[in-house]
Amino acid sequence: MVIELIVAAFLLIGAGFAFIGSLGLARFPDFYARLHGPTKATTLGVGGMLIASMVHFSTASGWSLHELLVILFLFLTAPVSAHLMAKAALHLEGRSQGSKQGEEPER
């Protein structure tokens, strides 16, 4: 009974963070603000759901560490992908501003 409550709590927390991240993606005004929703809140949401899965399957049939590897991979790749998307957006923004003013875009 206690394990089920812990699993349910992690699922609810994860679902809440995923919902907030999705809402931020849909409602924030520009690209840079929208980038925070999927990369921060949704990553925490998926992490919560994976912890719930790890607790559930560890109590059912021994240690289940597959989810731990997925969490580690997710927490390592989400910030890197957000950084690369922001850097690409800055680069494209600089190119479009340079071409609007009649200047040669930077390479």
Foldseek 3Di string as FASTA:
>chain_A
DVLVVQLVVLLVQLVVLLVQLVVQLVPDDDDLSNLCSCLPSNLSSVLSNLVSVQSVVCVVPNGDCPSVVVNVVSNVVSVVVSVVVVVVVVLVVQQVVCVVVVHHRDD
